[in-house]
């Protein structure tokens, strides 16, 4: 988290008027990003044969970020092997976002602070978003990193609570 806060400290280059333009769309992107990443991770966990709520939630949370996975796993009593899988899922996601961002930036209109904030909220991996945006346009890094950091915080709150209880309701 200190790394995330250090990245967010680059916000000295952020213009408040640009932050306000993202507004509700930026907030929605953060929630949507956490939920979609979690669902994708949970689907992968189920595809690999995991059927208990702790395993599915821990691996799903790892797909949110490699920070959210072990925090969630520790909170709900996951074993160290499940937390290692969660970290691995998050690291793979981070690398994919970092490498893929410059490739898709023009296709998705990732060329202004508002789109960078929405992108950071949807992708959520602070290191992946920061690295990918740095390769795309360094001026966009603080915008994307800021929402990606809020994404991590939201994931840490939702993983061991709302998301765990939802999975427990479905899988017992």
Protein backbone atom coordinates (compact mmCIF):
# COMPACT_ATOMS: atom_id res chain seq x y z
CA UNK A 1 0.00 0.00 0.00
CA UNK A 2 2.94 2.36 0.59
CA UNK A 3 3.83 1.85 -3.06
CA UNK A 4 0.29 2.78 -4.04
CA UNK A 5 0.39 5.89 -1.91
CA UNK A 6 3.75 6.84 -3.43
CA UNK A 7 2.20 6.51 -6.89
CA UNK A 8 -0.79 8.56 -5.84
CA UNK A 9 1.58 11.21 -4.53
CA UNK A 10 2.21 11.95 -8.18
CA UNK A 11 -1.18 13.61 -7.94
CA UNK A 12 0.65 16.90 -7.58
CA UNK A 13 0.36 17.02 -11.37
CA UNK A 14 -3.39 16.37 -11.29
CA UNK A 15 -5.77 19.20 -12.06
CA UNK A 16 -8.82 19.13 -9.80
CA UNK A 17 -11.06 20.20 -12.69
CA UNK A 18 -10.07 16.99 -14.51
CA UNK A 19 -10.92 14.89 -11.45
CA UNK A 20 -14.39 16.40 -11.28
CA UNK A 21 -15.01 15.56 -14.93
CA UNK A 22 -14.67 11.82 -14.21
CA UNK A 23 -17.18 12.12 -11.36
CA UNK A 24 -19.81 9.42 -11.15
CA UNK A 25 -18.41 7.48 -14.11
CA UNK A 26 -15.08 7.21 -12.29
CA UNK A 27 -16.76 5.91 -9.14
CA UNK A 28 -18.86 3.40 -11.09
CA UNK A 29 -15.74 2.18 -12.92
CA UNK A 30 -14.09 1.33 -9.60
CA UNK A 31 -17.03 -0.74 -8.36
CA UNK A 32 -17.54 -2.38 -11.74
CA UNK A 33 -13.83 -3.14 -12.04
CA UNK A 34 -13.68 -4.89 -8.65
CA UNK A 35 -16.83 -6.93 -9.25
CA UNK A 36 -15.98 -8.03 -12.80
CA UNK A 37 -12.40 -8.98 -11.89
CA UNK A 38 -13.66 -10.93 -8.88
CA UNK A 39 -16.23 -12.81 -10.94
CA UNK A 40 -13.64 -13.70 -13.57
CA UNK A 41 -11.24 -14.96 -10.90
CA UNK A 42 -14.02 -16.94 -9.22
CA UNK A 43 -14.93 -18.55 -12.56
CA UNK A 44 -11.30 -19.59 -13.06
CA UNK A 45 -11.20 -21.02 -9.53
CA UNK A 46 -14.35 -23.05 -10.19
CA UNK A 47 -12.98 -24.20 -13.56
CA UNK A 48 -9.91 -25.56 -11.75
CA UNK A 49 -12.10 -27.54 -9.36
CA UNK A 50 -12.36 -25.34 -6.30
CA UNK A 51 -15.80 -25.58 -4.74
CA UNK A 52 -15.56 -24.08 -1.25
CA UNK A 53 -16.35 -20.43 -0.56
CA UNK A 54 -12.96 -19.64 1.02
CA UNK A 55 -10.97 -20.91 -1.98
CA UNK A 56 -13.22 -19.31 -4.58
CA UNK A 57 -13.25 -15.98 -2.75
CA UNK A 58 -9.49 -15.93 -2.18
CA UNK A 59 -8.64 -16.71 -5.81
CA UNK A 60 -11.35 -14.34 -7.05
CA UNK A 61 -9.94 -11.60 -4.83
CA UNK A 62 -6.48 -12.33 -6.23
CA UNK A 63 -7.83 -11.55 -9.68
CA UNK A 64 -8.87 -8.18 -8.30
CA UNK A 65 -5.22 -7.46 -7.33
CA UNK A 66 -2.30 -9.31 -5.81
CA UNK A 67 -2.83 -7.22 -2.68
CA UNK A 68 -6.56 -7.86 -2.30
CA UNK A 69 -6.16 -11.65 -2.66
CA UNK A 70 -3.99 -12.35 0.38
CA UNK A 71 -5.73 -9.71 2.50
CA UNK A 72 -9.05 -11.38 1.76
CA UNK A 73 -7.59 -14.86 2.23
CA UNK A 74 -6.08 -13.98 5.61
CA UNK A 75 -9.35 -12.45 6.77
CA UNK A 76 -11.46 -15.50 5.87
CA UNK A 77 -8.98 -18.21 6.93
CA UNK A 78 -7.53 -19.36 3.61
CA UNK A 79 -4.47 -21.57 3.51
CA UNK A 80 -1.11 -20.27 2.33
CA UNK A 81 -1.34 -22.23 -0.95
CA UNK A 82 -4.60 -20.46 -1.81
CA UNK A 83 -3.06 -17.10 -0.98
CA UNK A 84 -0.10 -17.94 -3.22
CA UNK A 85 -2.52 -18.68 -6.07
CA UNK A 86 -4.29 -15.39 -5.40
CA UNK A 87 -1.01 -13.50 -5.55
CA UNK A 88 -0.06 -15.29 -8.78
CA UNK A 89 -3.41 -14.37 -10.35
CA UNK A 90 -2.91 -10.74 -9.43
CA UNK A 91 0.66 -10.64 -10.74
CA UNK A 92 -0.42 -12.15 -14.08
CA UNK A 93 -3.19 -9.54 -14.32
CA UNK A 94 -0.74 -6.75 -13.50
CA UNK A 95 1.67 -7.86 -16.22
CA UNK A 96 -1.12 -8.22 -18.78
CA UNK A 97 -2.41 -4.72 -18.03
CA UNK A 98 1.08 -3.24 -18.12
CA UNK A 99 1.95 -4.83 -21.46
CA UNK A 100 -1.50 -4.50 -22.99
CA UNK A 101 -2.25 -0.87 -22.17
CA UNK A 102 -0.04 0.70 -24.86
CA UNK A 103 -1.41 -1.78 -27.40
CA UNK A 104 -5.06 -0.90 -26.83
CA UNK A 105 -4.75 2.77 -25.84
CA UNK A 106 -5.63 4.21 -29.26
CA UNK A 107 -8.42 1.69 -29.82
CA UNK A 108 -10.19 2.60 -26.59
CA UNK A 109 -9.50 6.35 -26.61
CA UNK A 110 -7.07 6.29 -23.71
CA UNK A 111 -5.68 9.74 -24.37
CA UNK A 112 -7.06 12.10 -21.71
CA UNK A 113 -7.28 12.31 -17.90
CA UNK A 114 -10.94 11.21 -17.75
CA UNK A 115 -10.36 8.07 -19.78
CA UNK A 116 -7.25 7.32 -17.70
CA UNK A 117 -9.28 7.56 -14.49
CA UNK A 118 -11.98 5.26 -15.84
CA UNK A 119 -9.31 2.86 -17.14
CA UNK A 120 -7.58 2.84 -13.75
CA UNK A 121 -10.91 2.14 -12.07
CA UNK A 122 -11.75 -0.73 -14.42
CA UNK A 123 -8.32 -2.38 -14.47
CA UNK A 124 -7.44 -1.62 -10.89
CA UNK A 125 -3.93 -2.97 -10.69
CA UNK A 126 -1.99 0.14 -9.70
CA UNK A 127 1.38 -1.12 -10.87
CA UNK A 128 -0.05 -2.42 -14.15
CA UNK A 129 -2.02 0.75 -14.84
CA UNK A 130 0.88 3.03 -13.89
CA UNK A 131 3.35 1.09 -16.01
CA UNK A 132 0.99 0.84 -18.96
CA UNK A 133 0.05 4.50 -18.85
CA UNK A 134 3.70 5.52 -18.49
CA UNK A 135 4.39 3.71 -21.75
CA UNK A 136 1.32 5.31 -23.33
CA UNK A 137 1.50 8.90 -22.05
CA UNK A 138 3.31 9.75 -18.79
CA UNK A 139 0.94 12.67 -18.11
CA UNK A 140 -1.92 10.18 -17.63
CA UNK A 141 -0.17 8.13 -14.90
CA UNK A 142 -1.40 10.07 -11.84
CA UNK A 143 -5.00 9.96 -13.04
CA UNK A 144 -5.09 6.23 -13.69
CA UNK A 145 -3.01 5.40 -10.62
CA UNK A 146 -5.32 7.38 -8.38
CA UNK A 147 -8.48 5.45 -9.27
CA UNK A 148 -6.55 2.17 -9.36
CA UNK A 149 -5.46 2.79 -5.77
CA UNK A 150 -9.04 3.47 -4.68
CA UNK A 151 -9.94 0.22 -6.48
CA UNK A 152 -7.43 -1.65 -4.32
CA UNK A 153 -8.89 -0.13 -1.17
CA UNK A 154 -12.43 -0.97 -2.22
CA UNK A 155 -11.36 -4.53 -3.05
CA UNK A 156 -9.81 -4.90 0.41
CA UNK A 157 -13.11 -3.83 1.95
CA UNK A 158 -15.40 -5.87 -0.31
CA UNK A 159 -13.36 -9.10 -0.60
CA UNK A 160 -13.62 -10.45 2.94
CA UNK A 161 -17.13 -9.12 3.45
CA UNK A 162 -19.67 -8.60 0.66
CA UNK A 163 -17.94 -10.79 -1.93
CA UNK A 164 -17.19 -13.59 0.54
CA UNK A 165 -20.78 -13.64 1.80
CA UNK A 166 -22.09 -13.68 -1.78
CA UNK A 167 -19.90 -16.67 -2.65
CA UNK A 168 -20.80 -18.39 0.63
CA UNK A 169 -24.50 -17.95 -0.20
CA UNK A 170 -23.95 -19.57 -3.60
CA UNK A 171 -21.52 -22.36 -2.65
CA UNK A 172 -22.12 -22.87 1.05
